[in-house]
Amino acid sequence: MLVGVGPEPEVESEAGLGECRFRRGRRLVQRTKRMDWKLEGSAQKTESRVLQEHEITLDDPGEDGVSESFQLLQIDVGCEHWEQETLPTGSAAWCSKNVQRKQRHWEKIVAAKKSKRKQEKERRKANRVENSGIYPQHSKRFLRSLIKERLLEAKHSGPRLCIDLSMTNHMSKKELSRLAGQIRRLYGSNKKADRPFWIYLTGFTTDSPLYEECLRMNDGFSSYLLDRTEEDCFSLFPLETLVYLTPDSDHALENVDLNKVYILGGLVDESIQKKVTFQKAQEHSVKTARLPIQEYMVKCQNGKNYHSEILTINQVFDILSTYFETQNWPEALKKGVSSRKGYVLRNSVE
């Protein structure tokens, strides 16, 4: 019994000494962990290595345990500094190959866009230098004031064009959207013209679906320089001054007269009801006219055997505006009548 009991205090004292050494080593580890690590991944590796050292200390708490712990800590710190020096800083060091590949691809796209913008800027600069003597450069403010001056001058002394919008009640939302787009293009062409028309939108109410569609599709529609009225075109002007342009008329338009008011039917009808505008003009005893397409153009063969003289209001306006500036019907018709309508100029066929 005495032989068995004797060694126990020595074992407990050795265990207590090992526990004390372990705590000292643990405190050193805690101090080391408070260091300002630059890379999180390397810090995790160091912690795992320190935990392995603790396990070694617990397994063999001998007299050399503390010295071995210090040696391992010194090795870990040395490895830590070596990893910080060799590994690149930043998140790119820890990205996968797929992420790095996408990053390189994105950098190529950005570089290509920058190069393209630079080339486009140089090209515009070269064009400005080349055309400086032909087309003098003006500021946007000056151009806006010039356009406004031309339009206001056309209001008093220019040709007049009336768009009859009294037939929009039975149009679908899609047809109204197309009509709003045609009005936008017509107004844009009129602003660019050297000799613009003064435009009237008749039968146009602010509570109509067309008005809402024009506001939605046309930026700045409320500030367009034109006249909007709820009156009908037949009551707004003297009947003898009106000329209703319709493809169903028997009379070809010969000239643009400043004393006349030319009417375009604001109608987009996908069901293609014939002679709607022509019948309306006859009801009010108003003169009618058609564009001289038959006089200056001929039908051409196409795959669908399609031939039509029905044009959008902006196409008709382009023809009128071009003729008013050039006094040349072939040139005007060439600008407004596309080959898809199945017509070409006579000179081109000959």
Protein backbone atom coordinates (compact mmCIF):
# COMPACT_ATOMS: atom_id res chain seq x y z
CA MET A 1 0.00 0.00 0.00
CA LEU A 2 2.81 2.46 0.94
CA VAL A 3 4.72 1.59 -2.24
CA GLY A 4 1.63 2.30 -4.39
CA VAL A 5 0.72 5.56 -2.67
CA GLY A 6 4.23 7.10 -2.66
CA PRO A 7 4.59 8.22 -6.36
CA GLU A 8 1.12 9.92 -6.65
CA PRO A 9 2.13 13.38 -5.32
CA GLU A 10 5.05 13.42 -7.77
CA VAL A 11 2.71 12.70 -10.69
CA GLU A 12 0.30 15.42 -9.56
CA SER A 13 3.16 17.91 -9.11
CA GLU A 14 4.47 17.11 -12.57
CA ALA A 15 0.99 17.50 -14.01
CA GLY A 16 0.55 20.84 -12.24
CA LEU A 17 3.89 22.04 -13.56
CA GLY A 18 2.91 20.99 -17.06
CA GLU A 19 -0.45 22.75 -16.68
CA CYS A 20 1.33 25.93 -15.60
CA ARG A 21 3.67 25.73 -18.53
CA PHE A 22 0.73 25.11 -20.80
CA ARG A 23 -1.02 28.23 -19.53
CA ARG A 24 2.07 30.29 -20.10
CA GLY A 25 2.30 28.97 -23.61
CA ARG A 26 -1.40 29.67 -24.08
CA ARG A 27 -0.94 33.29 -23.00
CA LEU A 28 1.89 33.64 -25.49
CA VAL A 29 -0.38 32.29 -28.17
CA GLN A 30 -3.08 34.81 -27.25
CA ARG A 31 -0.56 37.64 -27.45
CA THR A 32 0.59 36.37 -30.81
CA LYS A 33 -2.99 36.21 -32.09
CA ARG A 34 -3.48 39.91 -31.29
CA MET A 35 -0.88 40.83 -33.88
CA ASP A 36 -2.08 42.79 -36.87
CA TRP A 37 -2.19 40.10 -39.53
CA LYS A 38 -2.51 41.37 -43.10
CA LEU A 39 -3.87 38.17 -44.60
CA GLU A 40 -6.75 36.35 -42.98
CA GLY A 41 -5.95 32.98 -44.54
CA SER A 42 -2.42 32.89 -43.14
CA ALA A 43 -3.77 33.80 -39.70
CA GLN A 44 -6.07 30.80 -39.80
CA LYS A 45 -3.15 28.55 -40.73
CA THR A 46 -1.13 29.90 -37.81
CA GLU A 47 -3.96 29.26 -35.38
CA SER A 48 -4.32 25.68 -36.54
CA ARG A 49 -0.60 25.15 -36.08
CA VAL A 50 -0.71 26.64 -32.56
CA LEU A 51 -3.55 24.29 -31.65
CA GLN A 52 -1.43 21.39 -32.85
CA GLU A 53 1.37 22.62 -30.58
CA HIS A 54 -1.08 22.63 -27.63
CA GLU A 55 -2.03 19.05 -28.36
CA ILE A 56 1.65 18.10 -28.41
CA THR A 57 2.18 19.88 -25.07
CA LEU A 58 -0.75 18.04 -23.49
CA ASP A 59 0.51 14.70 -24.71
CA ASP A 60 4.03 15.26 -23.41
CA PRO A 61 4.12 17.83 -20.58
CA GLY A 62 7.79 17.38 -19.82
CA GLU A 63 10.44 19.81 -18.86
CA ASP A 64 11.22 20.61 -22.50
CA GLY A 65 7.55 21.36 -23.36
CA VAL A 66 7.84 25.12 -22.98
CA SER A 67 11.02 25.36 -25.01
CA GLU A 68 9.44 23.27 -27.79
CA SER A 69 6.40 25.55 -27.75
CA PHE A 70 8.61 28.62 -28.09
CA GLN A 71 10.46 27.02 -30.96
CA LEU A 72 7.23 26.17 -32.78
CA LEU A 73 5.93 29.69 -32.23
CA GLN A 74 9.10 31.15 -33.68
CA ILE A 75 8.81 28.87 -36.69
CA ASP A 76 5.17 29.90 -37.20
CA VAL A 77 6.00 33.60 -36.99
CA GLY A 78 8.83 33.12 -39.48
CA CYS A 79 6.53 31.27 -41.87
CA GLU A 80 3.93 33.99 -41.41
CA HIS A 81 6.36 36.72 -42.48
CA TRP A 82 7.53 34.60 -45.41
CA GLU A 83 3.94 34.09 -46.62
CA GLN A 84 3.22 37.80 -46.33
CA GLU A 85 6.26 38.61 -48.42
CA THR A 86 5.63 36.04 -51.14
CA LEU A 87 1.82 36.19 -51.54
CA PRO A 88 0.37 39.18 -53.43
CA THR A 89 -1.88 41.47 -51.50
CA GLY A 90 -5.53 42.04 -52.39
CA SER A 91 -8.52 39.80 -52.98
CA ALA A 92 -7.17 38.59 -56.33
CA ALA A 93 -4.71 36.29 -54.51
CA TRP A 94 -7.58 34.20 -53.17
CA CYS A 95 -9.85 34.18 -56.27
CA SER A 96 -10.52 31.01 -58.18
CA LYS A 97 -9.29 30.56 -61.74
CA ASN A 98 -12.81 31.04 -63.05
CA VAL A 99 -13.17 34.39 -61.26
CA GLN A 100 -9.76 35.52 -62.46
CA ARG A 101 -10.65 34.55 -66.03
CA LYS A 102 -13.88 36.59 -65.85
CA GLN A 103 -11.98 39.50 -64.37
CA ARG A 104 -9.48 39.45 -67.25
CA HIS A 105 -12.33 39.24 -69.76
CA TRP A 106 -14.07 42.25 -68.17
CA GLU A 107 -10.83 44.25 -68.19
CA LYS A 108 -10.46 43.55 -71.92
CA ILE A 109 -14.01 44.79 -72.55
CA VAL A 110 -13.43 48.00 -70.58
CA ALA A 111 -10.15 48.62 -72.41
CA ALA A 112 -11.85 48.06 -75.79
CA LYS A 113 -14.63 50.52 -74.91
CA LYS A 114 -12.12 53.15 -73.86
CA SER A 115 -10.19 52.67 -77.10
CA LYS A 116 -13.39 52.91 -79.16
CA ARG A 117 -14.47 56.11 -77.41
CA LYS A 118 -11.04 57.60 -77.98
CA GLN A 119 -11.12 56.74 -81.70
CA GLU A 120 -14.65 58.15 -82.05
CA LYS A 121 -13.58 61.36 -80.32
CA GLU A 122 -10.59 61.71 -82.65
CA ARG A 123 -12.78 61.04 -85.70
CA ARG A 124 -15.29 63.75 -84.69
CA LYS A 125 -12.44 66.14 -84.04
CA ALA A 126 -10.98 65.45 -87.49
CA ASN A 127 -14.40 66.00 -89.10
CA ARG A 128 -14.79 69.32 -87.30
CA VAL A 129 -11.40 70.46 -88.52
CA GLU A 130 -12.14 69.30 -92.07
CA ASN A 131 -15.57 70.91 -92.27
CA SER A 132 -14.76 74.03 -90.29
CA GLY A 133 -14.64 76.11 -93.45
CA ILE A 134 -17.81 74.60 -94.96
CA TYR A 135 -20.12 74.16 -91.97
CA PRO A 136 -19.38 76.69 -89.23
CA GLN A 137 -19.78 75.24 -85.77
CA HIS A 138 -22.40 76.76 -83.47
CA SER A 139 -23.41 76.11 -79.91
CA LYS A 140 -26.58 74.17 -79.09
CA ARG A 141 -28.15 77.29 -77.64
CA PHE A 142 -27.57 79.17 -80.89
CA LEU A 143 -29.02 76.30 -82.95
CA ARG A 144 -32.12 76.12 -80.75
CA SER A 145 -32.68 79.85 -81.10
CA LEU A 146 -32.18 79.58 -84.88
CA ILE A 147 -34.76 76.77 -85.14
CA LYS A 148 -37.22 78.73 -83.03
CA GLU A 149 -36.75 81.80 -85.22
CA ARG A 150 -37.37 79.81 -88.40
CA LEU A 151 -40.51 78.17 -87.04
CA LEU A 152 -41.98 81.45 -85.82
CA GLU A 153 -41.23 83.01 -89.19
CA ALA A 154 -43.05 80.11 -90.90
CA LYS A 155 -46.07 80.84 -88.70
CA HIS A 156 -46.49 84.23 -90.34
CA SER A 157 -45.20 83.73 -93.87
CA GLY A 158 -44.50 80.04 -94.48
CA PRO A 159 -46.57 77.18 -95.89
CA ARG A 160 -49.22 75.72 -93.63
CA LEU A 161 -49.87 72.06 -92.91
CA CYS A 162 -52.85 70.75 -90.95
CA ILE A 163 -53.02 67.26 -89.46
CA ASP A 164 -56.63 66.18 -89.06
CA LEU A 165 -56.87 64.18 -85.81
CA SER A 166 -60.65 63.96 -85.66
CA MET A 167 -60.64 60.30 -86.77
CA THR A 168 -58.72 58.83 -83.83
CA ASN A 169 -61.75 57.80 -81.76
CA HIS A 170 -61.97 54.34 -83.31
CA MET A 171 -58.23 53.62 -83.37
CA SER A 172 -56.62 50.97 -81.18
CA LYS A 173 -53.85 51.70 -78.69
CA LYS A 174 -51.28 50.23 -81.08
CA GLU A 175 -52.50 52.47 -83.91
CA LEU A 176 -52.42 55.52 -81.60
CA SER A 177 -48.84 54.71 -80.65
CA ARG A 178 -47.84 54.52 -84.30
CA LEU A 179 -49.56 57.83 -85.02
CA ALA A 180 -47.80 59.49 -82.07
CA GLY A 181 -44.48 58.25 -83.44
CA GLN A 182 -45.28 59.66 -86.89
CA ILE A 183 -46.09 63.05 -85.37
CA ARG A 184 -42.73 63.01 -83.57
CA ARG A 185 -40.82 62.23 -86.78
CA LEU A 186 -42.78 64.82 -88.72
CA TYR A 187 -41.96 67.53 -86.21
CA GLY A 188 -38.29 66.49 -86.14
CA SER A 189 -38.05 66.76 -89.94
CA ASN A 190 -39.74 70.15 -89.87
CA LYS A 191 -37.20 71.48 -87.35
CA LYS A 192 -34.31 70.41 -89.59
CA ALA A 193 -35.79 72.00 -92.71
CA ASP A 194 -34.32 75.25 -94.01
CA ARG A 195 -37.82 76.41 -94.96
CA PRO A 196 -40.14 74.81 -92.41
CA PHE A 197 -43.94 74.59 -92.45
CA TRP A 198 -46.22 75.85 -89.71
CA ILE A 199 -48.11 72.85 -88.36
CA TYR A 200 -51.63 72.65 -86.91
CA LEU A 201 -52.98 69.70 -84.90
CA THR A 202 -56.76 70.01 -85.29
CA GLY A 203 -59.43 68.01 -83.53
CA PHE A 204 -56.89 67.40 -80.79
CA THR A 205 -58.16 67.33 -77.21
CA THR A 206 -56.01 67.17 -74.07
CA ASP A 207 -58.18 64.44 -72.54
CA SER A 208 -57.86 62.10 -75.53
CA PRO A 209 -55.84 58.85 -75.51
CA LEU A 210 -53.74 60.23 -78.38
CA TYR A 211 -52.64 63.20 -76.27
CA GLU A 212 -51.55 60.90 -73.45
CA GLU A 213 -49.70 58.70 -75.95
CA CYS A 214 -47.92 61.73 -77.43
CA LEU A 215 -46.79 62.82 -73.97
CA ARG A 216 -45.57 59.31 -73.21
CA MET A 217 -43.66 58.74 -76.45
CA ASN A 218 -42.48 62.25 -77.37
CA ASP A 219 -40.07 64.02 -75.02
CA GLY A 220 -40.96 67.68 -74.72
CA PHE A 221 -44.21 67.32 -76.65
CA SER A 222 -45.91 70.02 -74.57
CA SER A 223 -43.25 72.52 -75.73
CA TYR A 224 -43.54 71.76 -79.46
CA LEU A 225 -43.74 74.94 -81.55
CA LEU A 226 -47.04 74.27 -83.32
CA ASP A 227 -50.75 75.01 -82.88
CA ARG A 228 -53.03 72.56 -81.06
CA THR A 229 -56.76 73.08 -81.21
CA GLU A 230 -59.95 71.17 -80.56
CA GLU A 231 -61.56 72.82 -83.58
CA ASP A 232 -62.08 70.92 -86.79
CA CYS A 233 -59.86 71.91 -89.72
CA PHE A 234 -62.95 72.68 -91.84
CA SER A 235 -64.16 75.32 -89.38
CA LEU A 236 -60.72 76.75 -88.61
CA PHE A 237 -59.87 77.87 -92.17
CA PRO A 238 -61.87 79.10 -95.16
CA LEU A 239 -62.92 76.11 -97.27
CA GLU A 240 -61.56 77.61 -100.50
CA THR A 241 -58.03 77.62 -99.02
CA LEU A 242 -58.06 73.94 -98.05
CA VAL A 243 -56.50 71.08 -100.03
CA TYR A 244 -56.98 67.61 -98.59
CA LEU A 245 -54.11 65.29 -99.60
CA THR A 246 -55.42 61.78 -100.19
CA PRO A 247 -54.18 58.93 -102.41
CA ASP A 248 -57.74 58.43 -103.72
CA SER A 249 -57.93 61.82 -105.45
CA ASP A 250 -57.99 62.16 -109.22
CA HIS A 251 -55.93 65.35 -109.24
CA ALA A 252 -52.16 65.33 -108.86
CA LEU A 253 -50.51 68.01 -106.77
CA GLU A 254 -48.51 70.31 -109.01
CA ASN A 255 -47.10 72.89 -106.62
CA VAL A 256 -47.00 73.99 -102.98
CA ASP A 257 -48.94 77.24 -102.72
CA LEU A 258 -48.32 79.54 -99.74
CA ASN A 259 -51.95 80.66 -99.88
CA LYS A 260 -53.26 77.14 -99.38
CA VAL A 261 -53.59 75.01 -96.26
CA TYR A 262 -52.72 71.37 -96.92
CA ILE A 263 -54.44 68.74 -94.82
CA LEU A 264 -53.12 65.29 -93.92
CA GLY A 265 -55.45 62.73 -92.44
CA GLY A 266 -54.09 61.60 -89.07
CA LEU A 267 -55.26 58.06 -89.53
CA VAL A 268 -53.49 54.78 -88.94
CA ASP A 269 -55.84 52.02 -90.00
CA GLU A 270 -54.50 48.48 -90.09
CA SER A 271 -57.78 47.24 -91.55
CA ILE A 272 -57.09 49.53 -94.58
CA GLN A 273 -60.49 51.14 -95.07
CA LYS A 274 -60.41 52.82 -98.45
CA LYS A 275 -61.40 56.40 -99.30
CA VAL A 276 -61.98 57.49 -95.68
CA THR A 277 -60.20 60.82 -96.06
CA PHE A 278 -61.47 61.30 -99.61
CA GLN A 279 -65.10 60.91 -98.54
CA LYS A 280 -64.59 63.28 -95.62
CA ALA A 281 -63.21 65.95 -97.96
CA GLN A 282 -66.16 65.52 -100.32
CA GLU A 283 -68.63 65.92 -97.46
CA HIS A 284 -67.22 69.38 -96.79
CA SER A 285 -66.75 70.28 -100.49
CA VAL A 286 -63.00 70.64 -100.11
CA LYS A 287 -60.50 70.24 -102.95
CA THR A 288 -58.42 67.07 -102.95
CA ALA A 289 -55.05 66.20 -104.41
CA ARG A 290 -52.63 63.29 -104.41
CA LEU A 291 -48.86 63.20 -104.68
CA PRO A 292 -47.68 62.86 -108.31
CA ILE A 293 -46.37 59.33 -107.83
CA GLN A 294 -47.99 58.01 -111.00
CA GLU A 295 -46.55 60.89 -113.07
CA TYR A 296 -42.91 60.47 -112.01
CA MET A 297 -42.68 56.86 -110.83
CA VAL A 298 -43.49 53.42 -112.23
CA LYS A 299 -44.25 50.08 -110.68
CA CYS A 300 -41.37 47.70 -110.23
CA GLN A 301 -41.40 43.95 -109.83
CA ASN A 302 -40.98 42.57 -106.35
CA GLY A 303 -41.39 39.21 -104.66
CA LYS A 304 -44.79 40.01 -103.12
CA ASN A 305 -46.11 41.91 -106.16
CA TYR A 306 -47.01 44.72 -103.75
CA HIS A 307 -47.69 48.29 -104.93
CA SER A 308 -49.13 50.99 -102.70
CA GLU A 309 -49.38 54.78 -102.73
CA ILE A 310 -50.46 54.96 -99.07
CA LEU A 311 -47.77 56.72 -97.04
CA THR A 312 -47.44 57.75 -93.42
CA ILE A 313 -47.94 61.40 -92.55
CA ASN A 314 -44.23 61.93 -91.90
CA GLN A 315 -43.35 60.41 -95.31
CA VAL A 316 -45.83 62.70 -97.05
CA PHE A 317 -44.40 65.66 -95.16
CA ASP A 318 -40.84 64.75 -96.18
CA ILE A 319 -41.95 64.84 -99.82
CA LEU A 320 -43.71 68.19 -99.43
CA SER A 321 -40.82 69.74 -97.51
CA THR A 322 -38.19 68.53 -99.99
CA TYR A 323 -40.19 69.78 -102.96
CA PHE A 324 -40.76 73.17 -101.31
CA GLU A 325 -37.00 73.59 -100.92
CA THR A 326 -35.82 72.08 -104.24
CA GLN A 327 -38.85 72.52 -106.55
CA ASN A 328 -38.01 69.05 -107.89
CA TRP A 329 -40.65 66.32 -107.69
CA PRO A 330 -38.41 63.35 -108.62
CA GLU A 331 -35.94 64.26 -105.89
CA ALA A 332 -38.75 64.77 -103.37
CA LEU A 333 -40.49 61.50 -104.24
CA LYS A 334 -37.23 59.60 -104.05
CA LYS A 335 -36.80 60.78 -100.47
CA GLY A 336 -40.32 59.88 -99.31
CA VAL A 337 -41.34 56.80 -101.33
CA SER A 338 -39.27 53.76 -100.44
CA SER A 339 -38.70 50.82 -102.78
CA ARG A 340 -40.83 48.66 -100.49
CA LYS A 341 -43.90 50.48 -101.82
CA GLY A 342 -43.22 48.93 -105.23
CA TYR A 343 -42.43 52.19 -107.07
CA VAL A 344 -39.22 53.55 -108.58
CA LEU A 345 -38.42 56.69 -110.56
CA ARG A 346 -38.85 56.52 -114.32
CA ASN A 347 -35.29 57.72 -114.94
CA SER A 348 -33.85 54.88 -112.89
CA VAL A 349 -35.74 52.30 -114.99
CA GLU A 350 -34.63 53.87 -118.27
